[in-house]
Amino acid sequence: MHNSFFQTVNLKGWKIRREIGGKTKCTYEFKNDLQLGPGQKIKLFSGGAADMKQSDSDIVCDFFTWHAGGGSYVLTDEYNNEKASLKMTITN
């Protein structure tokens, strides 16, 4: 996740959810104060990929997998307002 905004954002209460076929498969909530400054990045890994964590700012989620395949990731703020989304499609 990259803060391309010009202000620091506190991610406490924000959520990233993974949807496939319109159904939520998993959700990660930022429960603690996490200040993401302008230009800063963090990486989120599923528990099954915890060994890929390379820095203290990387986060390991409390579920094993984000689930493979097409679908989308949706980022919402503490008021459930959509702030960003990423749609993935798999082609043969």
N, C-alpha and C. Protein backbone atom coordinates (compact mmCIF):
# COMPACT_ATOMS: atom_id res chain seq x y z
N MET A 1 0.85 -1.14 0.00
CA MET A 1 0.00 0.00 0.00
C MET A 1 0.91 1.22 0.00
N HIS A 2 0.55 2.22 -0.80
CA HIS A 2 1.37 3.41 -0.97
C HIS A 2 0.52 4.65 -0.74
N ASN A 3 1.00 5.54 0.11
CA ASN A 3 0.29 6.81 0.35
C ASN A 3 0.78 7.82 -0.67
N SER A 4 0.03 8.02 -1.73
CA SER A 4 0.40 8.98 -2.76
C SER A 4 -0.20 10.37 -2.49
N PHE A 5 -0.86 10.50 -1.34
CA PHE A 5 -1.45 11.76 -0.92
C PHE A 5 -0.37 12.65 -0.31
N PHE A 6 -0.62 13.91 -0.12
CA PHE A 6 0.38 14.84 0.41
C PHE A 6 0.30 14.99 1.93
N GLN A 7 -0.59 14.23 2.59
CA GLN A 7 -0.74 14.30 4.04
C GLN A 7 -0.54 12.92 4.65
N THR A 8 -0.12 12.91 5.91
CA THR A 8 -0.05 11.67 6.67
C THR A 8 -1.46 11.17 6.95
N VAL A 9 -1.64 9.86 6.85
CA VAL A 9 -2.95 9.25 7.10
C VAL A 9 -2.80 8.25 8.25
N ASN A 10 -3.69 8.34 9.24
CA ASN A 10 -3.73 7.35 10.31
C ASN A 10 -4.68 6.24 9.85
N LEU A 11 -4.16 5.03 9.70
CA LEU A 11 -4.95 3.93 9.16
C LEU A 11 -5.76 3.18 10.21
N LYS A 12 -5.74 3.62 11.46
CA LYS A 12 -6.51 2.93 12.49
C LYS A 12 -7.98 2.87 12.10
N GLY A 13 -8.54 1.65 12.10
CA GLY A 13 -9.94 1.44 11.74
C GLY A 13 -10.17 1.21 10.26
N TRP A 14 -9.13 1.43 9.44
CA TRP A 14 -9.26 1.17 8.00
C TRP A 14 -9.24 -0.34 7.77
N LYS A 15 -9.82 -0.77 6.64
CA LYS A 15 -9.89 -2.20 6.32
C LYS A 15 -9.53 -2.43 4.84
N ILE A 16 -8.93 -3.57 4.62
CA ILE A 16 -8.73 -4.07 3.25
C ILE A 16 -9.48 -5.39 3.19
N ARG A 17 -10.38 -5.51 2.23
CA ARG A 17 -11.11 -6.76 2.08
C ARG A 17 -10.87 -7.34 0.69
N ARG A 18 -10.83 -8.63 0.64
CA ARG A 18 -10.63 -9.37 -0.61
C ARG A 18 -11.96 -9.95 -1.00
N GLU A 19 -12.41 -9.62 -2.22
CA GLU A 19 -13.69 -10.12 -2.72
C GLU A 19 -13.47 -10.94 -3.98
N ILE A 20 -14.17 -12.05 -4.04
CA ILE A 20 -14.16 -12.89 -5.24
C ILE A 20 -15.61 -13.23 -5.55
N GLY A 21 -16.05 -12.95 -6.76
CA GLY A 21 -17.43 -13.24 -7.14
C GLY A 21 -18.45 -12.50 -6.29
N GLY A 22 -18.09 -11.29 -5.83
CA GLY A 22 -19.00 -10.49 -5.03
C GLY A 22 -19.08 -10.90 -3.57
N LYS A 23 -18.28 -11.90 -3.17
CA LYS A 23 -18.30 -12.37 -1.78
C LYS A 23 -16.97 -12.04 -1.11
N THR A 24 -17.05 -11.56 0.12
CA THR A 24 -15.85 -11.26 0.89
C THR A 24 -15.20 -12.55 1.34
N LYS A 25 -13.93 -12.71 1.02
CA LYS A 25 -13.17 -13.91 1.40
C LYS A 25 -12.35 -13.68 2.66
N CYS A 26 -11.82 -12.49 2.84
CA CYS A 26 -11.06 -12.16 4.04
C CYS A 26 -10.97 -10.65 4.18
N THR A 27 -10.77 -10.20 5.39
CA THR A 27 -10.66 -8.77 5.68
C THR A 27 -9.55 -8.56 6.70
N TYR A 28 -8.75 -7.54 6.46
CA TYR A 28 -7.75 -7.14 7.43
C TYR A 28 -8.10 -5.75 7.93
N GLU A 29 -8.14 -5.57 9.26
CA GLU A 29 -8.41 -4.26 9.84
C GLU A 29 -7.17 -3.75 10.56
N PHE A 30 -6.82 -2.51 10.30
CA PHE A 30 -5.74 -1.85 11.01
C PHE A 30 -6.28 -1.43 12.38
N LYS A 31 -5.90 -2.16 13.43
CA LYS A 31 -6.48 -1.93 14.75
C LYS A 31 -5.70 -0.92 15.57
N ASN A 32 -4.44 -0.74 15.27
CA ASN A 32 -3.60 0.19 16.03
C ASN A 32 -3.34 1.44 15.20
N ASP A 33 -2.91 2.49 15.90
CA ASP A 33 -2.50 3.70 15.18
C ASP A 33 -1.35 3.33 14.24
N LEU A 34 -1.52 3.65 12.99
CA LEU A 34 -0.46 3.44 12.00
C LEU A 34 -0.43 4.68 11.12
N GLN A 35 0.58 5.49 11.31
CA GLN A 35 0.72 6.72 10.54
C GLN A 35 1.47 6.41 9.25
N LEU A 36 0.82 6.60 8.12
CA LEU A 36 1.44 6.39 6.81
C LEU A 36 1.66 7.76 6.19
N GLY A 37 2.92 8.17 6.18
CA GLY A 37 3.26 9.50 5.68
C GLY A 37 3.24 9.59 4.17
N PRO A 38 3.29 10.80 3.64
CA PRO A 38 3.32 10.99 2.19
C PRO A 38 4.47 10.22 1.56
N GLY A 39 4.17 9.44 0.55
CA GLY A 39 5.18 8.67 -0.15
C GLY A 39 5.57 7.37 0.52
N GLN A 40 5.09 7.12 1.74
CA GLN A 40 5.44 5.89 2.45
C GLN A 40 4.65 4.71 1.92
N LYS A 41 5.26 3.52 2.06
CA LYS A 41 4.64 2.28 1.63
C LYS A 41 4.68 1.26 2.76
N ILE A 42 3.67 0.40 2.79
CA ILE A 42 3.69 -0.77 3.65
C ILE A 42 3.26 -1.96 2.80
N LYS A 43 3.69 -3.14 3.21
CA LYS A 43 3.29 -4.37 2.53
C LYS A 43 2.52 -5.23 3.51
N LEU A 44 1.46 -5.87 3.01
CA LEU A 44 0.67 -6.79 3.81
C LEU A 44 0.84 -8.19 3.25
N PHE A 45 1.13 -9.14 4.12
CA PHE A 45 1.30 -10.53 3.72
C PHE A 45 0.29 -11.39 4.46
N SER A 46 -0.19 -12.43 3.81
CA SER A 46 -1.03 -13.40 4.50
C SER A 46 -0.14 -14.22 5.43
N GLY A 47 -0.75 -14.88 6.40
CA GLY A 47 0.02 -15.70 7.32
C GLY A 47 0.83 -16.77 6.62
N GLY A 48 0.29 -17.28 5.50
CA GLY A 48 1.00 -18.31 4.74
C GLY A 48 2.23 -17.79 4.03
N ALA A 49 2.38 -16.49 3.93
CA ALA A 49 3.54 -15.88 3.27
C ALA A 49 4.37 -15.06 4.26
N ALA A 50 4.23 -15.35 5.55
CA ALA A 50 4.90 -14.58 6.59
C ALA A 50 6.41 -14.54 6.41
N ASP A 51 6.98 -15.59 5.82
CA ASP A 51 8.43 -15.63 5.63
C ASP A 51 8.93 -14.63 4.59
N MET A 52 8.02 -13.99 3.87
CA MET A 52 8.39 -12.99 2.87
C MET A 52 8.55 -11.59 3.49
N LYS A 53 8.16 -11.45 4.75
CA LYS A 53 8.28 -10.16 5.44
C LYS A 53 9.75 -9.75 5.47
N GLN A 54 10.02 -8.51 5.04
CA GLN A 54 11.40 -8.05 4.94
C GLN A 54 11.71 -6.85 5.81
N SER A 55 10.70 -6.17 6.32
CA SER A 55 10.98 -4.98 7.13
C SER A 55 9.99 -4.89 8.28
N ASP A 56 10.33 -4.09 9.27
CA ASP A 56 9.46 -3.91 10.43
C ASP A 56 8.13 -3.27 10.06
N SER A 57 8.09 -2.55 8.94
CA SER A 57 6.84 -1.91 8.53
C SER A 57 5.91 -2.89 7.80
N ASP A 58 6.43 -4.04 7.37
CA ASP A 58 5.58 -5.05 6.73
C ASP A 58 4.63 -5.64 7.77
N ILE A 59 3.44 -6.00 7.33
CA ILE A 59 2.41 -6.53 8.23
C ILE A 59 2.03 -7.93 7.79
N VAL A 60 1.95 -8.84 8.75
CA VAL A 60 1.48 -10.20 8.48
C VAL A 60 0.05 -10.29 9.01
N CYS A 61 -0.87 -10.61 8.13
CA CYS A 61 -2.30 -10.68 8.48
C CYS A 61 -2.59 -11.96 9.24
N ASP A 62 -3.73 -11.98 9.92
CA ASP A 62 -4.08 -13.11 10.77
C ASP A 62 -4.90 -14.19 10.04
N PHE A 63 -4.78 -14.25 8.72
CA PHE A 63 -5.40 -15.33 7.95
C PHE A 63 -4.34 -15.92 7.05
N PHE A 64 -4.54 -17.18 6.65
CA PHE A 64 -3.50 -17.91 5.94
C PHE A 64 -3.28 -17.43 4.51
N THR A 65 -4.35 -17.04 3.82
CA THR A 65 -4.22 -16.69 2.41
C THR A 65 -5.16 -15.55 2.03
N TRP A 66 -4.75 -14.80 1.01
CA TRP A 66 -5.62 -13.77 0.43
C TRP A 66 -6.54 -14.39 -0.61
N HIS A 67 -6.36 -15.67 -0.96
CA HIS A 67 -7.10 -16.43 -1.96
C HIS A 67 -6.65 -16.04 -3.36
N ALA A 68 -6.41 -17.05 -4.16
CA ALA A 68 -5.90 -16.85 -5.52
C ALA A 68 -7.04 -16.58 -6.49
N GLY A 69 -6.68 -16.07 -7.66
CA GLY A 69 -7.64 -15.86 -8.72
C GLY A 69 -8.06 -14.42 -8.88
N GLY A 70 -9.00 -14.22 -9.80
CA GLY A 70 -9.51 -12.89 -10.05
C GLY A 70 -10.32 -12.39 -8.87
N GLY A 71 -10.73 -11.16 -8.96
CA GLY A 71 -11.51 -10.56 -7.88
C GLY A 71 -11.01 -9.17 -7.61
N SER A 72 -11.24 -8.69 -6.40
CA SER A 72 -10.83 -7.33 -6.10
C SER A 72 -10.40 -7.18 -4.65
N TYR A 73 -9.64 -6.13 -4.42
CA TYR A 73 -9.25 -5.68 -3.10
C TYR A 73 -9.88 -4.30 -2.92
N VAL A 74 -10.49 -4.07 -1.77
CA VAL A 74 -11.16 -2.79 -1.51
C VAL A 74 -10.62 -2.23 -0.19
N LEU A 75 -10.18 -0.98 -0.23
CA LEU A 75 -9.68 -0.30 0.95
C LEU A 75 -10.74 0.70 1.40
N THR A 76 -11.15 0.59 2.68
CA THR A 76 -12.14 1.52 3.23
C THR A 76 -11.57 2.18 4.49
N ASP A 77 -12.02 3.40 4.75
CA ASP A 77 -11.57 4.12 5.94
C ASP A 77 -12.40 3.68 7.15
N GLU A 78 -12.16 4.32 8.29
CA GLU A 78 -12.83 3.94 9.52
C GLU A 78 -14.34 4.18 9.47
N TYR A 79 -14.82 4.93 8.49
CA TYR A 79 -16.26 5.18 8.32
C TYR A 79 -16.85 4.34 7.21
N ASN A 80 -16.08 3.39 6.70
CA ASN A 80 -16.47 2.48 5.63
C ASN A 80 -16.60 3.17 4.27
N ASN A 81 -15.95 4.32 4.10
CA ASN A 81 -15.91 4.99 2.80
C ASN A 81 -14.81 4.35 1.96
N GLU A 82 -15.14 3.97 0.74
CA GLU A 82 -14.13 3.37 -0.13
C GLU A 82 -13.08 4.40 -0.51
N LYS A 83 -11.82 4.06 -0.29
CA LYS A 83 -10.70 4.96 -0.59
C LYS A 83 -9.90 4.49 -1.78
N ALA A 84 -9.90 3.19 -2.05
CA ALA A 84 -9.16 2.65 -3.20
C ALA A 84 -9.67 1.24 -3.47
N SER A 85 -9.46 0.80 -4.70
CA SER A 85 -9.79 -0.58 -5.04
C SER A 85 -8.87 -1.05 -6.17
N LEU A 86 -8.70 -2.35 -6.22
CA LEU A 86 -7.90 -2.97 -7.25
C LEU A 86 -8.67 -4.16 -7.76
N LYS A 87 -8.95 -4.18 -9.06
CA LYS A 87 -9.67 -5.32 -9.65
C LYS A 87 -8.67 -6.15 -10.42
N MET A 88 -8.72 -7.47 -10.19
CA MET A 88 -7.83 -8.39 -10.88
C MET A 88 -8.64 -9.34 -11.74
N THR A 89 -8.17 -9.57 -12.95
CA THR A 89 -8.78 -10.56 -13.81
C THR A 89 -7.71 -11.52 -14.28
N ILE A 90 -8.08 -12.78 -14.40
CA ILE A 90 -7.17 -13.82 -14.87
C ILE A 90 -7.59 -14.18 -16.28
N THR A 91 -6.63 -14.13 -17.21
CA THR A 91 -6.91 -14.52 -18.59
C THR A 91 -6.03 -15.71 -18.96
N ASN A 92 -6.53 -16.49 -19.86
CA ASN A 92 -5.76 -17.68 -20.32
C ASN A 92 -4.89 -17.35 -21.47
